[in-house]
Amino acid sequence: MNEIEFRKRLYANPLEVDQELLAAAGTDPALQKILEQTRELETEVAALVNAVEVPTGLADKLMAIAHAPSTDTGLPNLGDLASKPAANNKFFQYYAIAASLLLAIGVTFSLTFDSGPSSAEMAVGDDVLRHLYMDGFEIDEISNASNTTIFGLPAINTVMAESGARLVSNDFLRNLPIRSARPCEVVPAYQSAHLIFEGTRGAVSMIVINNSPVSAEYIFRDERFNGIVVPMSEGNMVLVGENNEDLEQYKTLFTDNIDWVI
């Protein structure tokens, strides 16, 4: 299941997720993260709604509006609704709650949801994918274990220096040998360095890009690859692996070990 279809079905009812969505999230860490964040937001909004009290005097003001002379708008006169005692209290209760929540919920959603990455930022993911397919032979060699080259920290940092970054620790490289390290140009006008290592599902690429063409973390993918763009202090880090590769572990590892020297 792709991310768009997953989000569409999840947003319809975040707190009652069917087994198909749960199964998809269980096999894809990116979808699992979306599920957890959406459920958390839904719970917070529900708590906000339940906690709102009707402001003092709001019911009287609404009653005054209801009894005001009607205009020819084609809408029912609220006075007619107010004249029905059985429905009166509930009608104004919901009306008052809606009025009270309008600003609160608007602020909550504006703080929680941004507009997402711009089209220019999304284009970075497309540029990365094009770059990887150009390097497809080398990636396949590493995935098939036919490339057994290992780069040491000095050689890696010589390559990364051209993009204004370096690795500060040699410890994790013992368990994560770097099979390829070379400068590249993923995004025009930005210097980049491309490292490739063996993941659990095949070759994984870690690309650092100097400056920050992308300001907010986002996920991208196609039929084969699964990637994530991570903004850092002075640039961007991009991780890309096969679609079933868990990139979160590598994101933490490299984030903790990359130093920008721009």
Protein backbone atom coordinates (compact mmCIF):
# COMPACT_ATOMS: atom_id res chain seq x y z
CA MET A 1 0.00 0.00 0.00
CA ASN A 2 1.46 3.38 -0.95
CA GLU A 3 1.64 6.32 1.46
CA ILE A 4 -1.10 8.38 -0.21
CA GLU A 5 -3.67 5.55 -0.01
CA PHE A 6 -2.59 4.80 3.57
CA ARG A 7 -3.07 8.43 4.68
CA LYS A 8 -6.42 8.70 2.88
CA ARG A 9 -7.86 5.66 4.65
CA LEU A 10 -6.27 6.47 8.00
CA TYR A 11 -7.56 10.05 8.13
CA ALA A 12 -11.12 8.83 7.56
CA ASN A 13 -11.17 7.36 11.10
CA PRO A 14 -7.80 7.45 12.90
CA LEU A 15 -9.03 5.75 16.07
CA GLU A 16 -10.68 2.78 14.31
CA VAL A 17 -8.05 1.40 11.97
CA ASP A 18 -8.80 -1.78 10.03
CA GLN A 19 -6.50 -4.79 9.94
CA GLU A 20 -5.22 -4.04 6.45
CA LEU A 21 -3.88 -0.64 7.56
CA LEU A 22 -2.36 -2.16 10.70
CA ALA A 23 -0.66 -4.84 8.62
CA ALA A 24 0.75 -2.22 6.22
CA ALA A 25 2.07 -0.17 9.14
CA GLY A 26 3.55 -3.28 10.71
CA THR A 27 5.77 -3.90 7.69
CA ASP A 28 6.70 -0.27 6.95
CA PRO A 29 8.30 1.91 9.69
CA ALA A 30 7.39 5.10 7.81
CA LEU A 31 3.68 4.16 7.74
CA GLN A 32 3.87 3.10 11.40
CA LYS A 33 5.19 6.55 12.30
CA ILE A 34 2.36 8.23 10.37
CA LEU A 35 -0.16 6.01 12.19
CA GLU A 36 1.23 6.84 15.63
CA GLN A 37 1.40 10.59 14.97
CA THR A 38 -2.14 10.70 13.56
CA ARG A 39 -3.59 8.74 16.48
CA GLU A 40 -1.80 11.00 18.96
CA LEU A 41 -3.18 14.12 17.28
CA GLU A 42 -6.70 12.69 17.15
CA THR A 43 -6.55 11.91 20.88
CA GLU A 44 -5.32 15.43 21.69
CA VAL A 45 -8.06 17.09 19.63
CA ALA A 46 -10.73 14.88 21.25
CA ALA A 47 -9.43 15.88 24.70
CA LEU A 48 -9.55 19.55 23.68
CA VAL A 49 -13.15 19.25 22.48
CA ASN A 50 -14.26 17.53 25.68
CA ALA A 51 -12.52 20.10 27.87
CA VAL A 52 -14.13 23.21 26.36
CA GLU A 53 -16.72 24.99 28.50
CA VAL A 54 -19.43 27.20 27.04
CA PRO A 55 -18.46 30.86 27.72
CA THR A 56 -20.66 32.74 30.18
CA GLY A 57 -23.35 34.77 28.44
CA LEU A 58 -22.91 33.13 25.05
CA ALA A 59 -26.31 31.40 25.22
CA ASP A 60 -28.08 34.74 25.92
CA LYS A 61 -26.37 36.36 22.95
CA LEU A 62 -27.39 33.50 20.68
CA MET A 63 -30.96 33.71 21.97
CA ALA A 64 -31.02 37.38 21.09
CA ILE A 65 -29.91 36.55 17.55
CA ALA A 66 -32.55 33.86 17.31
CA HIS A 67 -35.37 36.28 18.19
CA ALA A 68 -34.17 39.01 15.84
CA PRO A 69 -36.40 39.67 12.78
CA SER A 70 -35.59 37.29 9.95
CA THR A 71 -34.28 38.48 6.60
CA ASP A 72 -35.06 37.03 3.22
CA THR A 73 -32.04 34.72 3.03
CA GLY A 74 -33.82 31.50 2.25
CA LEU A 75 -32.60 30.09 5.60
CA PRO A 76 -34.89 29.07 8.48
CA ASN A 77 -35.46 31.67 11.19
CA LEU A 78 -33.53 30.72 14.31
CA GLY A 79 -36.47 32.05 16.29
CA ASP A 80 -38.54 29.16 14.98
CA LEU A 81 -35.95 26.73 16.29
CA ALA A 82 -35.73 28.51 19.63
CA SER A 83 -39.51 28.27 20.03
CA LYS A 84 -39.28 24.48 20.25
CA PRO A 85 -38.41 23.74 23.91
CA ALA A 86 -37.55 20.08 23.36
CA ALA A 87 -34.72 20.91 20.97
CA ASN A 88 -33.79 24.35 22.30
CA ASN A 89 -31.15 23.42 24.86
CA LYS A 90 -29.33 20.89 22.73
CA PHE A 91 -29.36 23.18 19.69
CA PHE A 92 -27.73 26.04 21.53
CA GLN A 93 -25.37 23.75 23.39
CA TYR A 94 -23.88 22.55 20.11
CA TYR A 95 -23.99 26.04 18.65
CA ALA A 96 -22.07 27.42 21.63
CA ILE A 97 -19.51 24.63 21.58
CA ALA A 98 -18.92 25.16 17.87
CA ALA A 99 -18.39 28.87 18.42
CA SER A 100 -16.04 28.26 21.33
CA LEU A 101 -13.95 25.67 19.50
CA LEU A 102 -13.60 27.50 16.21
CA LEU A 103 -10.54 29.50 17.23
CA ALA A 104 -9.02 26.84 19.49
CA ILE A 105 -9.13 24.08 16.91
CA GLY A 106 -7.96 26.43 14.17
CA VAL A 107 -4.88 27.33 16.21
CA THR A 108 -4.25 23.69 17.10
CA PHE A 109 -4.29 22.56 13.47
CA SER A 110 -2.21 25.50 12.27
CA LEU A 111 0.47 24.62 14.81
CA THR A 112 0.32 20.88 14.18
CA PHE A 113 0.02 20.73 10.40
CA ASP A 114 2.18 22.78 8.13
CA SER A 115 1.79 22.97 4.40
CA GLY A 116 4.41 20.24 3.95
CA PRO A 117 7.48 20.47 1.75
CA SER A 118 7.31 22.82 -1.21
CA SER A 119 7.44 21.58 -4.77
CA ALA A 120 11.09 22.66 -4.94
CA GLU A 121 11.87 20.65 -1.80
CA MET A 122 9.98 17.62 -3.09
CA ALA A 123 12.05 17.85 -6.28
CA VAL A 124 15.15 17.03 -4.22
CA GLY A 125 13.75 13.53 -3.62
CA ASP A 126 13.21 13.13 -7.37
CA ASP A 127 16.78 14.31 -8.03
CA VAL A 128 18.11 11.76 -5.54
CA LEU A 129 16.18 8.92 -7.18
CA ARG A 130 17.47 9.87 -10.63
CA HIS A 131 21.01 9.93 -9.22
CA LEU A 132 20.61 6.46 -7.68
CA TYR A 133 19.38 4.92 -10.91
CA MET A 134 22.44 6.37 -12.64
CA ASP A 135 24.53 4.59 -10.00
CA GLY A 136 22.43 1.44 -10.29
CA PHE A 137 25.31 -0.85 -11.27
CA GLU A 138 27.37 0.06 -8.19
CA ILE A 139 24.35 -0.23 -5.89
CA ASP A 140 23.53 -3.66 -7.28
CA GLU A 141 27.13 -4.79 -6.79
CA ILE A 142 27.00 -3.87 -3.12
CA SER A 143 23.55 -5.43 -2.68
CA ASN A 144 24.84 -8.65 -4.24
CA ALA A 145 27.98 -8.59 -2.02
CA SER A 146 30.23 -8.60 -5.09
CA ASN A 147 31.82 -5.32 -3.96
CA THR A 148 33.84 -5.95 -0.80
CA THR A 149 35.77 -2.66 -0.72
CA ILE A 150 35.95 -0.99 2.69
CA PHE A 151 36.69 2.73 3.08
CA GLY A 152 38.44 3.98 6.20
CA LEU A 153 37.49 7.14 8.07
CA PRO A 154 40.26 9.34 6.54
CA ALA A 155 39.20 8.43 2.99
CA ILE A 156 35.52 8.95 3.84
CA ASN A 157 36.15 12.36 5.37
CA THR A 158 38.28 13.43 2.41
CA VAL A 159 35.24 12.81 0.19
CA MET A 160 32.77 14.38 2.62
CA ALA A 161 34.93 17.49 3.06
CA GLU A 162 33.90 18.68 -0.40
CA SER A 163 30.31 18.92 0.86
CA GLY A 164 31.34 20.62 4.11
CA ALA A 165 30.78 17.64 6.40
CA ARG A 166 32.68 14.87 8.15
CA LEU A 167 32.13 11.81 10.33
CA VAL A 168 33.32 12.34 13.89
CA SER A 169 33.42 8.70 15.02
CA ASN A 170 35.07 5.60 13.65
CA ASP A 171 33.35 3.20 16.09
CA PHE A 172 30.13 2.53 14.20
CA LEU A 173 32.01 1.91 10.93
CA ARG A 174 33.29 -1.39 12.31
CA ASN A 175 29.74 -2.77 12.15
CA LEU A 176 28.69 -0.71 9.13
CA PRO A 177 31.46 -0.85 6.52
CA ILE A 178 31.30 1.84 3.85
CA ARG A 179 31.62 0.19 0.42
CA SER A 180 31.63 3.34 -1.70
CA ALA A 181 32.47 6.98 -0.98
CA ARG A 182 32.70 9.70 -3.59
CA PRO A 183 31.67 13.30 -4.24
CA CYS A 184 28.61 13.84 -6.40
CA GLU A 185 26.14 16.49 -7.51
CA VAL A 186 22.57 15.54 -6.71
CA VAL A 187 21.13 19.04 -6.68
CA PRO A 188 22.63 21.62 -9.09
CA ALA A 189 24.71 24.30 -7.34
CA TYR A 190 25.09 22.21 -4.16
CA GLN A 191 28.09 20.04 -3.36
CA SER A 192 27.25 16.52 -2.17
CA ALA A 193 28.96 13.36 -0.97
CA HIS A 194 27.55 9.88 -1.53
CA LEU A 195 28.35 6.95 0.78
CA ILE A 196 26.98 3.44 0.19
CA PHE A 197 26.92 0.65 2.77
CA GLU A 198 25.19 -2.68 3.26
CA GLY A 199 21.79 -2.50 4.96
CA THR A 200 19.57 -5.36 6.02
CA ARG A 201 17.74 -5.46 2.66
CA GLY A 202 20.45 -4.39 0.27
CA ALA A 203 22.62 -1.35 -0.36
CA VAL A 204 21.77 1.86 1.50
CA SER A 205 22.89 5.29 0.32
CA MET A 206 23.71 8.17 2.65
CA ILE A 207 24.06 11.49 0.87
CA VAL A 208 25.04 14.80 2.50
CA ILE A 209 24.22 18.04 0.69
CA ASN A 210 25.82 21.31 1.78
CA ASN A 211 23.51 24.22 2.62
CA SER A 212 19.83 23.28 3.15
CA PRO A 213 17.65 23.00 0.05
CA VAL A 214 15.06 21.24 2.25
CA SER A 215 13.86 22.76 5.53
CA ALA A 216 11.45 20.05 6.78
CA GLU A 217 11.97 16.29 7.02
CA TYR A 218 9.93 14.25 4.57
CA ILE A 219 9.71 10.76 3.08
CA PHE A 220 9.84 9.91 -0.60
CA ARG A 221 9.64 6.63 -2.49
CA ASP A 222 9.04 4.92 -5.79
CA GLU A 223 8.50 1.31 -6.89
CA ARG A 224 11.95 0.28 -5.65
CA PHE A 225 13.41 2.81 -3.24
CA ASN A 226 12.39 4.25 0.12
CA GLY A 227 14.05 7.51 1.16
CA ILE A 228 14.04 10.24 3.78
CA VAL A 229 15.42 13.79 3.66
CA VAL A 230 16.66 15.08 7.03
CA PRO A 231 17.46 18.78 7.58
CA MET A 232 20.54 19.31 9.74
CA SER A 233 22.35 22.34 11.10
CA GLU A 234 24.20 23.35 7.93
CA GLY A 235 22.83 21.02 5.27
CA ASN A 236 20.67 18.04 4.43
CA MET A 237 21.21 14.33 4.92
CA VAL A 238 19.41 11.89 2.63
CA LEU A 239 19.06 8.18 3.32
CA VAL A 240 17.75 5.80 0.65
CA GLY A 241 17.37 2.03 0.71
CA GLU A 242 15.18 -0.66 -0.75
CA ASN A 243 11.46 -0.22 -0.02
CA ASN A 244 11.47 -2.62 2.92
CA GLU A 245 14.62 -1.16 4.52
CA ASP A 246 14.26 0.39 8.00
CA LEU A 247 16.00 3.76 7.65
CA GLU A 248 15.25 5.09 11.13
CA GLN A 249 18.18 3.27 12.74
CA TYR A 250 20.60 4.75 10.22
CA LYS A 251 19.08 8.21 10.55
CA THR A 252 19.88 8.27 14.26
CA LEU A 253 23.33 6.79 13.72
CA PHE A 254 24.46 9.27 11.09
CA THR A 255 22.75 12.27 12.68
CA ASP A 256 24.78 11.65 15.82
CA ASN A 257 28.03 11.26 13.88
CA ILE A 258 27.95 13.98 11.22
CA ASP A 259 29.69 17.27 11.91
CA TRP A 260 29.31 20.21 9.55
CA VAL A 261 32.50 22.18 8.92
CA ILE A 262 31.21 24.66 6.33
